[in-house]
Amino acid sequence: RLLRGMLARILPYPGRFRLALRGAQLARPFAALMPDRRLRA
């Protein structure tokens, strides 16, 4: 529910999506620590 809700509220909105992508760039070095394989993806 969390992941699907997050995708629905981020991907269709370019401004939000751009911010999320910048966050993902910062978090990428810590991907191995993510508890869910989908978050790592």
Full PDB file with SEQRES, HELIX, SHEET, SSBOND, CRYST1, ORIGX, SCALE, CONECT and MASTER records, all heavy atoms in Angstrom:
SEQRES   1 A   41  ARG LEU LEU ARG GLY MET LEU ALA ARG ILE LEU PRO TYR          
SEQRES   2 A   41  PRO GLY ARG PHE ARG LEU ALA LEU ARG GLY ALA GLN LEU          
SEQRES   3 A   41  ALA ARG PRO PHE ALA ALA LEU MET PRO ASP ARG ARG LEU          
SEQRES   4 A   41  ARG ALA                                                      
HELIX    1 AA1 LEU A    2  ILE A   10  1                                   9    
HELIX    2 AA2 PRO A   14  ALA A   27  1                                  14    
HELIX    3 AA3 ARG A   28  LEU A   33  5                                   6    
HELIX    4 AA4 ARG A   37  ARG A   40  1                                   4    
CRYST1    1.000    1.000    1.000  90.00  90.00  90.00 P 1           1          
ORIGX1      1.000000  0.000000  0.000000        0.00000                         
ORIGX2      0.000000  1.000000  0.000000        0.00000                         
ORIGX3      0.000000  0.000000  1.000000        0.00000                         
SCALE1      1.000000  0.000000  0.000000        0.00000                         
SCALE2      0.000000  1.000000  0.000000        0.00000                         
SCALE3      0.000000  0.000000  1.000000        0.00000                         
ATOM      1  N   ARG A   1       0.833  -1.198   0.000  1.00  0.00           N  
ATOM      2  CA  ARG A   1       0.000   0.000   0.000  1.00  0.00           C  
ATOM      3  C   ARG A   1       0.871   1.253   0.000  1.00  0.00           C  
ATOM      4  O   ARG A   1       0.593   2.229  -0.701  1.00  0.00           O  
ATOM      5  CB  ARG A   1      -0.945   0.010   1.207  1.00  0.00           C  
ATOM      6  CG  ARG A   1      -1.929  -1.153   1.233  1.00  0.00           C  
ATOM      7  CD  ARG A   1      -3.101  -0.880   2.182  1.00  0.00           C  
ATOM      8  NE  ARG A   1      -2.694  -0.535   3.536  1.00  0.00           N  
ATOM      9  CZ  ARG A   1      -2.438  -1.420   4.500  1.00  0.00           C  
ATOM     10  NH1 ARG A   1      -2.525  -2.727   4.229  1.00  0.00           N  
ATOM     11  NH2 ARG A   1      -2.084  -1.034   5.715  1.00  0.00           N  
ATOM     12  N   LEU A   2       1.941   1.225   0.802  1.00  0.00           N  
ATOM     13  CA  LEU A   2       2.836   2.370   0.889  1.00  0.00           C  
ATOM     14  C   LEU A   2       3.499   2.649  -0.451  1.00  0.00           C  
ATOM     15  O   LEU A   2       3.506   3.794  -0.932  1.00  0.00           O  
ATOM     16  CB  LEU A   2       3.890   2.120   1.967  1.00  0.00           C  
ATOM     17  CG  LEU A   2       4.983   3.197   2.116  1.00  0.00           C  
ATOM     18  CD1 LEU A   2       4.353   4.500   2.597  1.00  0.00           C  
ATOM     19  CD2 LEU A   2       6.075   2.725   3.077  1.00  0.00           C  
ATOM     20  N   LEU A   3       4.064   1.615  -1.071  1.00  0.00           N  
ATOM     21  CA  LEU A   3       4.787   1.802  -2.317  1.00  0.00           C  
ATOM     22  C   LEU A   3       3.864   2.245  -3.442  1.00  0.00           C  
ATOM     23  O   LEU A   3       4.184   3.154  -4.213  1.00  0.00           O  
ATOM     24  CB  LEU A   3       5.510   0.513  -2.706  1.00  0.00           C  
ATOM     25  CG  LEU A   3       6.684   0.095  -1.810  1.00  0.00           C  
ATOM     26  CD1 LEU A   3       7.228  -1.251  -2.243  1.00  0.00           C  
ATOM     27  CD2 LEU A   3       7.782   1.145  -1.842  1.00  0.00           C  
ATOM     28  N   ARG A   4       2.714   1.599  -3.564  1.00  0.00           N  
ATOM     29  CA  ARG A   4       1.776   1.958  -4.621  1.00  0.00           C  
ATOM     30  C   ARG A   4       1.229   3.363  -4.423  1.00  0.00           C  
ATOM     31  O   ARG A   4       1.088   4.137  -5.399  1.00  0.00           O  
ATOM     32  CB  ARG A   4       0.639   0.934  -4.690  1.00  0.00           C  
ATOM     33  CG  ARG A   4       1.074  -0.409  -5.277  1.00  0.00           C  
ATOM     34  CD  ARG A   4       0.020  -1.474  -5.145  1.00  0.00           C  
ATOM     35  NE  ARG A   4       0.345  -2.605  -5.945  1.00  0.00           N  
ATOM     36  CZ  ARG A   4      -0.007  -2.821  -7.201  1.00  0.00           C  
ATOM     37  NH1 ARG A   4      -0.771  -1.987  -7.803  1.00  0.00           N  
ATOM     38  NH2 ARG A   4       0.369  -3.876  -7.867  1.00  0.00           N  
ATOM     39  N   GLY A   5       0.915   3.704  -3.176  1.00  0.00           N  
ATOM     40  CA  GLY A   5       0.438   5.052  -2.899  1.00  0.00           C  
ATOM     41  C   GLY A   5       1.496   6.096  -3.215  1.00  0.00           C  
ATOM     42  O   GLY A   5       1.193   7.159  -3.768  1.00  0.00           O  
ATOM     43  N   MET A   6       2.744   5.796  -2.879  1.00  0.00           N  
ATOM     44  CA  MET A   6       3.845   6.715  -3.154  1.00  0.00           C  
ATOM     45  C   MET A   6       4.022   6.925  -4.660  1.00  0.00           C  
ATOM     46  O   MET A   6       4.153   8.064  -5.127  1.00  0.00           O  
ATOM     47  CB  MET A   6       5.133   6.173  -2.539  1.00  0.00           C  
ATOM     48  CG  MET A   6       6.362   7.042  -2.736  1.00  0.00           C  
ATOM     49  SD  MET A   6       7.802   6.388  -1.865  1.00  0.00           S  
ATOM     50  CE  MET A   6       8.069   4.851  -2.758  1.00  0.00           C  
ATOM     51  N   LEU A   7       3.993   5.830  -5.428  1.00  0.00           N  
ATOM     52  CA  LEU A   7       4.137   5.947  -6.876  1.00  0.00           C  
ATOM     53  C   LEU A   7       2.998   6.751  -7.491  1.00  0.00           C  
ATOM     54  O   LEU A   7       3.215   7.582  -8.377  1.00  0.00           O  
ATOM     55  CB  LEU A   7       4.194   4.557  -7.509  1.00  0.00           C  
ATOM     56  CG  LEU A   7       5.438   3.717  -7.181  1.00  0.00           C  
ATOM     57  CD1 LEU A   7       5.285   2.301  -7.720  1.00  0.00           C  
ATOM     58  CD2 LEU A   7       6.704   4.354  -7.739  1.00  0.00           C  
ATOM     59  N   ALA A   8       1.781   6.515  -7.003  1.00  0.00           N  
ATOM     60  CA  ALA A   8       0.616   7.220  -7.539  1.00  0.00           C  
ATOM     61  C   ALA A   8       0.658   8.710  -7.241  1.00  0.00           C  
ATOM     62  O   ALA A   8       0.121   9.522  -8.009  1.00  0.00           O  
ATOM     63  CB  ALA A   8      -0.670   6.609  -6.983  1.00  0.00           C  
ATOM     64  N   ARG A   9       1.304   9.074  -6.148  1.00  0.00           N  
ATOM     65  CA  ARG A   9       1.349  10.485  -5.738  1.00  0.00           C  
ATOM     66  C   ARG A   9       2.596  11.208  -6.209  1.00  0.00           C  
ATOM     67  O   ARG A   9       2.708  12.423  -6.015  1.00  0.00           O  
ATOM     68  CB  ARG A   9       1.214  10.581  -4.215  1.00  0.00           C  
ATOM     69  CG  ARG A   9      -0.202  10.287  -3.732  1.00  0.00           C  
ATOM     70  CD  ARG A   9      -0.272  10.059  -2.236  1.00  0.00           C  
ATOM     71  NE  ARG A   9      -1.651   9.886  -1.791  1.00  0.00           N  
ATOM     72  CZ  ARG A   9      -2.351   8.768  -1.935  1.00  0.00           C  
ATOM     73  NH1 ARG A   9      -1.782   7.720  -2.526  1.00  0.00           N  
ATOM     74  NH2 ARG A   9      -3.598   8.686  -1.510  1.00  0.00           N  
ATOM     75  N   ILE A  10       3.515  10.477  -6.826  1.00  0.00           N  
ATOM     76  CA  ILE A  10       4.768  11.098  -7.265  1.00  0.00           C  
ATOM     77  C   ILE A  10       4.930  11.074  -8.783  1.00  0.00           C  
ATOM     78  O   ILE A  10       5.163  12.104  -9.412  1.00  0.00           O  
ATOM     79  CB  ILE A  10       5.983  10.413  -6.588  1.00  0.00           C  
ATOM     80  CG1 ILE A  10       5.986  10.725  -5.090  1.00  0.00           C  
ATOM     81  CG2 ILE A  10       7.284  10.892  -7.223  1.00  0.00           C  
ATOM     82  CD1 ILE A  10       7.091  10.018  -4.329  1.00  0.00           C  
ATOM     83  N   LEU A  11       4.825   9.898  -9.406  1.00  0.00           N  
ATOM     84  CA  LEU A  11       5.172   9.757 -10.816  1.00  0.00           C  
ATOM     85  C   LEU A  11       4.357  10.657 -11.755  1.00  0.00           C  
ATOM     86  O   LEU A  11       4.922  11.211 -12.702  1.00  0.00           O  
ATOM     87  CB  LEU A  11       5.028   8.292 -11.252  1.00  0.00           C  
ATOM     88  CG  LEU A  11       5.996   7.289 -10.614  1.00  0.00           C  
ATOM     89  CD1 LEU A  11       5.841   5.919 -11.267  1.00  0.00           C  
ATOM     90  CD2 LEU A  11       7.430   7.755 -10.736  1.00  0.00           C  
ATOM     91  N   PRO A  12       3.037  10.852 -11.549  1.00  0.00           N  
ATOM     92  CA  PRO A  12       2.291  11.687 -12.497  1.00  0.00           C  
ATOM     93  C   PRO A  12       2.540  13.185 -12.351  1.00  0.00           C  
ATOM     94  O   PRO A  12       1.966  13.972 -13.114  1.00  0.00           O  
ATOM     95  CB  PRO A  12       0.821  11.351 -12.182  1.00  0.00           C  
ATOM     96  CG  PRO A  12       0.852  10.100 -11.372  1.00  0.00           C  
ATOM     97  CD  PRO A  12       2.132  10.164 -10.607  1.00  0.00           C  
ATOM     98  N   TYR A  13       3.373  13.589 -11.405  1.00  0.00           N  
ATOM     99  CA  TYR A  13       3.588  15.007 -11.129  1.00  0.00           C  
ATOM    100  C   TYR A  13       5.072  15.331 -11.317  1.00  0.00           C  
ATOM    101  O   TYR A  13       5.905  14.993 -10.462  1.00  0.00           O  
ATOM    102  CB  TYR A  13       3.125  15.345  -9.706  1.00  0.00           C  
ATOM    103  CG  TYR A  13       1.693  14.933  -9.461  1.00  0.00           C  
ATOM    104  CD1 TYR A  13       1.388  13.689  -8.865  1.00  0.00           C  
ATOM    105  CD2 TYR A  13       0.640  15.747  -9.837  1.00  0.00           C  
ATOM    106  CE1 TYR A  13       0.079  13.300  -8.661  1.00  0.00           C  
ATOM    107  CE2 TYR A  13      -0.684  15.358  -9.635  1.00  0.00           C  
ATOM    108  CZ  TYR A  13      -0.955  14.136  -9.050  1.00  0.00           C  
ATOM    109  OH  TYR A  13      -2.263  13.740  -8.845  1.00  0.00           O  
ATOM    110  N   PRO A  14       5.442  15.967 -12.417  1.00  0.00           N  
ATOM    111  CA  PRO A  14       6.856  16.160 -12.750  1.00  0.00           C  
ATOM    112  C   PRO A  14       7.677  16.833 -11.655  1.00  0.00           C  
ATOM    113  O   PRO A  14       8.822  16.444 -11.404  1.00  0.00           O  
ATOM    114  CB  PRO A  14       6.801  17.028 -14.011  1.00  0.00           C  
ATOM    115  CG  PRO A  14       5.471  16.712 -14.618  1.00  0.00           C  
ATOM    116  CD  PRO A  14       4.544  16.473 -13.466  1.00  0.00           C  
ATOM    117  N   GLY A  15       7.113  17.840 -10.985  1.00  0.00           N  
ATOM    118  CA  GLY A  15       7.851  18.515  -9.925  1.00  0.00           C  
ATOM    119  C   GLY A  15       8.161  17.585  -8.769  1.00  0.00           C  
ATOM    120  O   GLY A  15       9.304  17.519  -8.278  1.00  0.00           O  
ATOM    121  N   ARG A  16       7.162  16.859  -8.325  1.00  0.00           N  
ATOM    122  CA  ARG A  16       7.363  15.894  -7.237  1.00  0.00           C  
ATOM    123  C   ARG A  16       8.341  14.797  -7.668  1.00  0.00           C  
ATOM    124  O   ARG A  16       9.201  14.380  -6.893  1.00  0.00           O  
ATOM    125  CB  ARG A  16       6.032  15.258  -6.836  1.00  0.00           C  
ATOM    126  CG  ARG A  16       4.965  16.206  -6.354  1.00  0.00           C  
ATOM    127  CD  ARG A  16       3.686  15.444  -6.036  1.00  0.00           C  
ATOM    128  NE  ARG A  16       2.545  16.317  -5.880  1.00  0.00           N  
ATOM    129  CZ  ARG A  16       1.299  15.905  -5.669  1.00  0.00           C  
ATOM    130  NH1 ARG A  16       1.059  14.600  -5.592  1.00  0.00           N  
ATOM    131  NH2 ARG A  16       0.299  16.763  -5.571  1.00  0.00           N  
ATOM    132  N   PHE A  17       8.171  14.339  -8.903  1.00  0.00           N  
ATOM    133  CA  PHE A  17       9.011  13.249  -9.391  1.00  0.00           C  
ATOM    134  C   PHE A  17      10.466  13.693  -9.457  1.00  0.00           C  
ATOM    135  O   PHE A  17      11.377  12.949  -9.090  1.00  0.00           O  
ATOM    136  CB  PHE A  17       8.512  12.789 -10.753  1.00  0.00           C  
ATOM    137  CG  PHE A  17       9.141  11.517 -11.257  1.00  0.00           C  
ATOM    138  CD1 PHE A  17       9.667  10.577 -10.378  1.00  0.00           C  
ATOM    139  CD2 PHE A  17       9.197  11.243 -12.622  1.00  0.00           C  
ATOM    140  CE1 PHE A  17      10.232   9.395 -10.847  1.00  0.00           C  
ATOM    141  CE2 PHE A  17       9.758  10.072 -13.096  1.00  0.00           C  
ATOM    142  CZ  PHE A  17      10.294   9.158 -12.210  1.00  0.00           C  
ATOM    143  N   ARG A  18      10.698  14.920  -9.910  1.00  0.00           N  
ATOM    144  CA  ARG A  18      12.064  15.423  -9.991  1.00  0.00           C  
ATOM    145  C   ARG A  18      12.702  15.481  -8.599  1.00  0.00           C  
ATOM    146  O   ARG A  18      13.874  15.103  -8.423  1.00  0.00           O  
ATOM    147  CB  ARG A  18      12.064  16.803 -10.663  1.00  0.00           C  
ATOM    148  CG  ARG A  18      13.437  17.266 -11.102  1.00  0.00           C  
ATOM    149  CD  ARG A  18      13.363  18.545 -11.931  1.00  0.00           C  
ATOM    150  NE  ARG A  18      12.885  18.285 -13.287  1.00  0.00           N  
ATOM    151  CZ  ARG A  18      11.712  18.630 -13.743  1.00  0.00           C  
ATOM    152  NH1 ARG A  18      10.846  19.246 -12.987  1.00  0.00           N  
ATOM    153  NH2 ARG A  18      11.367  18.347 -14.997  1.00  0.00           N  
ATOM    154  N   LEU A  19      11.945  15.928  -7.612  1.00  0.00           N  
ATOM    155  CA  LEU A  19      12.462  15.963  -6.246  1.00  0.00           C  
ATOM    156  C   LEU A  19      12.758  14.554  -5.735  1.00  0.00           C  
ATOM    157  O   LEU A  19      13.777  14.316  -5.082  1.00  0.00           O  
ATOM    158  CB  LEU A  19      11.453  16.652  -5.322  1.00  0.00           C  
ATOM    159  CG  LEU A  19      11.346  18.181  -5.425  1.00  0.00           C  
ATOM    160  CD1 LEU A  19      10.183  18.687  -4.576  1.00  0.00           C  
ATOM    161  CD2 LEU A  19      12.647  18.839  -4.977  1.00  0.00           C  
ATOM    162  N   ALA A  20      11.859  13.611  -6.033  1.00  0.00           N  
ATOM    163  CA  ALA A  20      12.058  12.230  -5.599  1.00  0.00           C  
ATOM    164  C   ALA A  20      13.307  11.627  -6.240  1.00  0.00           C  
ATOM    165  O   ALA A  20      14.051  10.878  -5.603  1.00  0.00           O  
ATOM    166  CB  ALA A  20      10.831  11.391  -5.937  1.00  0.00           C  
ATOM    167  N   LEU A  21      13.543  11.946  -7.511  1.00  0.00           N  
ATOM    168  CA  LEU A  21      14.724  11.430  -8.196  1.00  0.00           C  
ATOM    169  C   LEU A  21      16.010  11.995  -7.586  1.00  0.00           C  
ATOM    170  O   LEU A  21      17.013  11.287  -7.470  1.00  0.00           O  
ATOM    171  CB  LEU A  21      14.653  11.773  -9.687  1.00  0.00           C  
ATOM    172  CG  LEU A  21      13.611  10.997 -10.494  1.00  0.00           C  
ATOM    173  CD1 LEU A  21      13.486  11.582 -11.900  1.00  0.00           C  
ATOM    174  CD2 LEU A  21      13.947   9.511 -10.564  1.00  0.00           C  
ATOM    175  N   ARG A  22      15.985  13.259  -7.190  1.00  0.00           N  
ATOM    176  CA  ARG A  22      17.165  13.834  -6.536  1.00  0.00           C  
ATOM    177  C   ARG A  22      17.405  13.157  -5.187  1.00  0.00           C  
ATOM    178  O   ARG A  22      18.548  12.896  -4.806  1.00  0.00           O  
ATOM    179  CB  ARG A  22      16.990  15.339  -6.371  1.00  0.00           C  
ATOM    180  CG  ARG A  22      16.904  16.093  -7.701  1.00  0.00           C  
ATOM    181  CD  ARG A  22      17.342  17.513  -7.612  1.00  0.00           C  
ATOM    182  NE  ARG A  22      17.229  18.201  -8.882  1.00  0.00           N  
ATOM    183  CZ  ARG A  22      18.095  18.129  -9.867  1.00  0.00           C  
ATOM    184  NH1 ARG A  22      19.182  17.361  -9.720  1.00  0.00           N  
ATOM    185  NH2 ARG A  22      17.924  18.801 -10.989  1.00  0.00           N  
ATOM    186  N   GLY A  23      16.322  12.856  -4.488  1.00  0.00           N  
ATOM    187  CA  GLY A  23      16.455  12.111  -3.244  1.00  0.00           C  
ATOM    188  C   GLY A  23      17.020  10.720  -3.463  1.00  0.00           C  
ATOM    189  O   GLY A  23      17.850  10.234  -2.688  1.00  0.00           O  
ATOM    190  N   ALA A  24      16.568  10.069  -4.550  1.00  0.00           N  
ATOM    191  CA  ALA A  24      17.058   8.731  -4.872  1.00  0.00           C  
ATOM    192  C   ALA A  24      18.544   8.749  -5.211  1.00  0.00           C  
ATOM    193  O   ALA A  24      19.285   7.828  -4.869  1.00  0.00           O  
ATOM    194  CB  ALA A  24      16.262   8.147  -6.034  1.00  0.00           C  
ATOM    195  N   GLN A  25      19.000   9.806  -5.887  1.00  0.00           N  
ATOM    196  CA  GLN A  25      20.417   9.934  -6.204  1.00  0.00           C  
ATOM    197  C   GLN A  25      21.259   9.987  -4.926  1.00  0.00           C  
ATOM    198  O   GLN A  25      22.314   9.370  -4.840  1.00  0.00           O  
ATOM    199  CB  GLN A  25      20.654  11.180  -7.050  1.00  0.00           C  
ATOM    200  CG  GLN A  25      20.113  11.080  -8.474  1.00  0.00           C  
ATOM    201  CD  GLN A  25      20.224  12.397  -9.227  1.00  0.00           C  
ATOM    202  OE1 GLN A  25      20.198  13.476  -8.634  1.00  0.00           O  
ATOM    203  NE2 GLN A  25      20.359  12.319 -10.540  1.00  0.00           N  
ATOM    204  N   LEU A  26      20.762  10.716  -3.934  1.00  0.00           N  
ATOM    205  CA  LEU A  26      21.480  10.835  -2.670  1.00  0.00           C  
ATOM    206  C   LEU A  26      21.460   9.527  -1.883  1.00  0.00           C  
ATOM    207  O   LEU A  26      22.426   9.191  -1.187  1.00  0.00           O  
ATOM    208  CB  LEU A  26      20.874  11.962  -1.829  1.00  0.00           C  
ATOM    209  CG  LEU A  26      20.998  13.379  -2.395  1.00  0.00           C  
ATOM    210  CD1 LEU A  26      20.203  14.370  -1.544  1.00  0.00           C  
ATOM    211  CD2 LEU A  26      22.465  13.809  -2.464  1.00  0.00           C  
ATOM    212  N   ALA A  27      20.348   8.781  -2.012  1.00  0.00           N  
ATOM    213  CA  ALA A  27      20.183   7.556  -1.232  1.00  0.00           C  
ATOM    214  C   ALA A  27      20.807   6.332  -1.893  1.00  0.00           C  
ATOM    215  O   ALA A  27      20.940   5.288  -1.242  1.00  0.00           O  
ATOM    216  CB  ALA A  27      18.698   7.303  -0.981  1.00  0.00           C  
ATOM    217  N   ARG A  28      21.194   6.434  -3.169  1.00  0.00           N  
ATOM    218  CA  ARG A  28      21.684   5.271  -3.900  1.00  0.00           C  
ATOM    219  C   ARG A  28      22.850   4.553  -3.189  1.00  0.00           C  
ATOM    220  O   ARG A  28      22.870   3.318  -3.166  1.00  0.00           O  
ATOM    221  CB  ARG A  28      22.084   5.651  -5.319  1.00  0.00           C  
ATOM    222  CG  ARG A  28      22.475   4.414  -6.156  1.00  0.00           C  
ATOM    223  CD  ARG A  28      22.898   4.771  -7.551  1.00  0.00           C  
ATOM    224  NE  ARG A  28      21.762   5.079  -8.396  1.00  0.00           N  
ATOM    225  CZ  ARG A  28      21.538   6.283  -8.906  1.00  0.00           C  
ATOM    226  NH1 ARG A  28      22.325   7.307  -8.615  1.00  0.00           N  
ATOM    227  NH2 ARG A  28      20.492   6.483  -9.689  1.00  0.00           N  
ATOM    228  N   PRO A  29      23.822   5.252  -2.601  1.00  0.00           N  
ATOM    229  CA  PRO A  29      24.913   4.529  -1.912  1.00  0.00           C  
ATOM    230  C   PRO A  29      24.438   3.643  -0.766  1.00  0.00           C  
ATOM    231  O   PRO A  29      25.165   2.740  -0.344  1.00  0.00           O  
ATOM    232  CB  PRO A  29      25.816   5.662  -1.409  1.00  0.00           C  
ATOM    233  CG  PRO A  29      25.517   6.822  -2.298  1.00  0.00           C  
ATOM    234  CD  PRO A  29      24.070   6.711  -2.623  1.00  0.00           C  
ATOM    235  N   PHE A  30      23.234   3.907  -0.274  1.00  0.00           N  
ATOM    236  CA  PHE A  30      22.707   3.136   0.852  1.00  0.00           C  
ATOM    237  C   PHE A  30      21.641   2.127   0.422  1.00  0.00           C  
ATOM    238  O   PHE A  30      20.883   1.619   1.246  1.00  0.00           O  
ATOM    239  CB  PHE A  30      22.120   4.093   1.898  1.00  0.00           C  
ATOM    240  CG  PHE A  30      23.045   5.210   2.292  1.00  0.00           C  
ATOM    241  CD1 PHE A  30      22.898   6.490   1.755  1.00  0.00           C  
ATOM    242  CD2 PHE A  30      24.101   4.977   3.161  1.00  0.00           C  
ATOM    243  CE1 PHE A  30      23.757   7.516   2.095  1.00  0.00           C  
ATOM    244  CE2 PHE A  30      24.973   5.999   3.505  1.00  0.00           C  
ATOM    245  CZ  PHE A  30      24.801   7.266   2.978  1.00  0.00           C  
ATOM    246  N   ALA A  31      21.592   1.822  -0.868  1.00  0.00           N  
ATOM    247  CA  ALA A  31      20.554   0.941  -1.402  1.00  0.00           C  
ATOM    248  C   ALA A  31      20.549  -0.422  -0.730  1.00  0.00           C  
ATOM    249  O   ALA A  31      19.491  -1.015  -0.492  1.00  0.00           O  
ATOM    250  CB  ALA A  31      20.727   0.781  -2.916  1.00  0.00           C  
ATOM    251  N   ALA A  32      21.736  -0.942  -0.414  1.00  0.00           N  
ATOM    252  CA  ALA A  32      21.821  -2.272   0.197  1.00  0.00           C  
ATOM    253  C   ALA A  32      21.137  -2.337   1.553  1.00  0.00           C  
ATOM    254  O   ALA A  32      20.785  -3.422   2.030  1.00  0.00           O  
ATOM    255  CB  ALA A  32      23.283  -2.691   0.332  1.00  0.00           C  
ATOM    256  N   LEU A  33      20.951  -1.186   2.188  1.00  0.00           N  
ATOM    257  CA  LEU A  33      20.326  -1.146   3.506  1.00  0.00           C  
ATOM    258  C   LEU A  33      18.803  -1.091   3.441  1.00  0.00           C  
ATOM    259  O   LEU A  33      18.138  -1.201   4.472  1.00  0.00           O  
ATOM    260  CB  LEU A  33      20.841   0.065   4.299  1.00  0.00           C  
ATOM    261  CG  LEU A  33      22.364   0.150   4.494  1.00  0.00           C  
ATOM    262  CD1 LEU A  33      22.730   1.439   5.215  1.00  0.00           C  
ATOM    263  CD2 LEU A  33      22.872  -1.067   5.259  1.00  0.00           C  
ATOM    264  N   MET A  34      18.255  -0.921   2.239  1.00  0.00           N  
ATOM    265  CA  MET A  34      16.813  -0.805   2.100  1.00  0.00           C  
ATOM    266  C   MET A  34      16.139  -2.125   2.438  1.00  0.00           C  
ATOM    267  O   MET A  34      16.578  -3.188   1.998  1.00  0.00           O  
ATOM    268  CB  MET A  34      16.440  -0.367   0.683  1.00  0.00           C  
ATOM    269  CG  MET A  34      16.895   1.043   0.349  1.00  0.00           C  
ATOM    270  SD  MET A  34      15.997   2.252   1.362  1.00  0.00           S  
ATOM    271  CE  MET A  34      17.051   3.694   1.200  1.00  0.00           C  
ATOM    272  N   PRO A  35      15.048  -2.093   3.213  1.00  0.00           N  
ATOM    273  CA  PRO A  35      14.426  -3.341   3.684  1.00  0.00           C  
ATOM    274  C   PRO A  35      13.622  -4.085   2.640  1.00  0.00           C  
ATOM    275  O   PRO A  35      13.254  -5.234   2.836  1.00  0.00           O  
ATOM    276  CB  PRO A  35      13.513  -2.854   4.820  1.00  0.00           C  
ATOM    277  CG  PRO A  35      13.167  -1.447   4.441  1.00  0.00           C  
ATOM    278  CD  PRO A  35      14.394  -0.893   3.767  1.00  0.00           C  
ATOM    279  N   ASP A  36      13.320  -3.443   1.525  1.00  0.00           N  
ATOM    280  CA  ASP A  36      12.460  -4.050   0.506  1.00  0.00           C  
ATOM    281  C   ASP A  36      13.160  -3.972  -0.846  1.00  0.00           C  
ATOM    282  O   ASP A  36      13.715  -2.940  -1.224  1.00  0.00           O  
ATOM    283  CB  ASP A  36      11.100  -3.325   0.456  1.00  0.00           C  
ATOM    284  CG  ASP A  36      10.070  -4.045  -0.383  1.00  0.00           C  
ATOM    285  OD1 ASP A  36      10.184  -4.015  -1.611  1.00  0.00           O  
ATOM    286  OD2 ASP A  36       9.135  -4.636   0.202  1.00  0.00           O  
ATOM    287  N   ARG A  37      13.131  -5.096  -1.595  1.00  0.00           N  
ATOM    288  CA  ARG A  37      13.810  -5.154  -2.898  1.00  0.00           C  
ATOM    289  C   ARG A  37      13.258  -4.117  -3.872  1.00  0.00           C  
ATOM    290  O   ARG A  37      13.976  -3.636  -4.760  1.00  0.00           O  
ATOM    291  CB  ARG A  37      13.680  -6.551  -3.495  1.00  0.00           C  
ATOM    292  CG  ARG A  37      12.270  -6.943  -3.895  1.00  0.00           C  
ATOM    293  CD  ARG A  37      12.137  -8.387  -4.280  1.00  0.00           C  
ATOM    294  NE  ARG A  37      10.821  -8.709  -4.796  1.00  0.00           N  
ATOM    295  CZ  ARG A  37       9.728  -8.866  -4.078  1.00  0.00           C  
ATOM    296  NH1 ARG A  37       9.801  -8.732  -2.760  1.00  0.00           N  
ATOM    297  NH2 ARG A  37       8.559  -9.151  -4.641  1.00  0.00           N  
ATOM    298  N   ARG A  38      11.968  -3.779  -3.712  1.00  0.00           N  
ATOM    299  CA  ARG A  38      11.365  -2.804  -4.612  1.00  0.00           C  
ATOM    300  C   ARG A  38      11.912  -1.399  -4.359  1.00  0.00           C  
ATOM    301  O   ARG A  38      12.070  -0.614  -5.294  1.00  0.00           O  
ATOM    302  CB  ARG A  38       9.845  -2.848  -4.459  1.00  0.00           C  
ATOM    303  CG  ARG A  38       9.246  -4.163  -4.974  1.00  0.00           C  
ATOM    304  CD  ARG A  38       7.815  -4.348  -4.549  1.00  0.00           C  
ATOM    305  NE  ARG A  38       7.712  -4.517  -3.101  1.00  0.00           N  
ATOM    306  CZ  ARG A  38       6.575  -4.763  -2.467  1.00  0.00           C  
ATOM    307  NH1 ARG A  38       5.448  -4.900  -3.135  1.00  0.00           N  
ATOM    308  NH2 ARG A  38       6.559  -4.898  -1.150  1.00  0.00           N  
ATOM    309  N   LEU A  39      12.211  -1.091  -3.107  1.00  0.00           N  
ATOM    310  CA  LEU A  39      12.840   0.191  -2.812  1.00  0.00           C  
ATOM    311  C   LEU A  39      14.234   0.251  -3.428  1.00  0.00           C  
ATOM    312  O   LEU A  39      14.647   1.285  -3.962  1.00  0.00           O  
ATOM    313  CB  LEU A  39      12.925   0.402  -1.300  1.00  0.00           C  
ATOM    314  CG  LEU A  39      11.612   0.739  -0.575  1.00  0.00           C  
ATOM    315  CD1 LEU A  39      11.826   0.694   0.933  1.00  0.00           C  
ATOM    316  CD2 LEU A  39      11.093   2.091  -1.001  1.00  0.00           C  
ATOM    317  N   ARG A  40      14.947  -0.862  -3.374  1.00  0.00           N  
ATOM    318  CA  ARG A  40      16.274  -0.904  -3.993  1.00  0.00           C  
ATOM    319  C   ARG A  40      16.171  -0.719  -5.501  1.00  0.00           C  
ATOM    320  O   ARG A  40      16.997  -0.041  -6.113  1.00  0.00           O  
ATOM    321  CB  ARG A  40      16.973  -2.226  -3.648  1.00  0.00           C  
ATOM    322  CG  ARG A  40      17.277  -2.401  -2.165  1.00  0.00           C  
ATOM    323  CD  ARG A  40      18.230  -3.556  -1.914  1.00  0.00           C  
ATOM    324  NE  ARG A  40      17.629  -4.853  -2.183  1.00  0.00           N  
ATOM    325  CZ  ARG A  40      16.912  -5.560  -1.288  1.00  0.00           C  
ATOM    326  NH1 ARG A  40      16.730  -5.078  -0.056  1.00  0.00           N  
ATOM    327  NH2 ARG A  40      16.411  -6.738  -1.613  1.00  0.00           N  
ATOM    328  N   ALA A  41      15.136  -1.323  -6.097  1.00  0.00           N  
ATOM    329  CA  ALA A  41      14.933  -1.173  -7.539  1.00  0.00           C  
ATOM    330  C   ALA A  41      14.650   0.277  -7.907  1.00  0.00           C  
ATOM    331  O   ALA A  41      15.117   0.780  -8.924  1.00  0.00           O  
ATOM    332  CB  ALA A  41      13.781  -2.067  -8.003  1.00  0.00           C  
TER     333      ALA A  41                                                      
MASTER        0    0    0    4    0    0    0    6  332    1    0    4          
END                                                                             
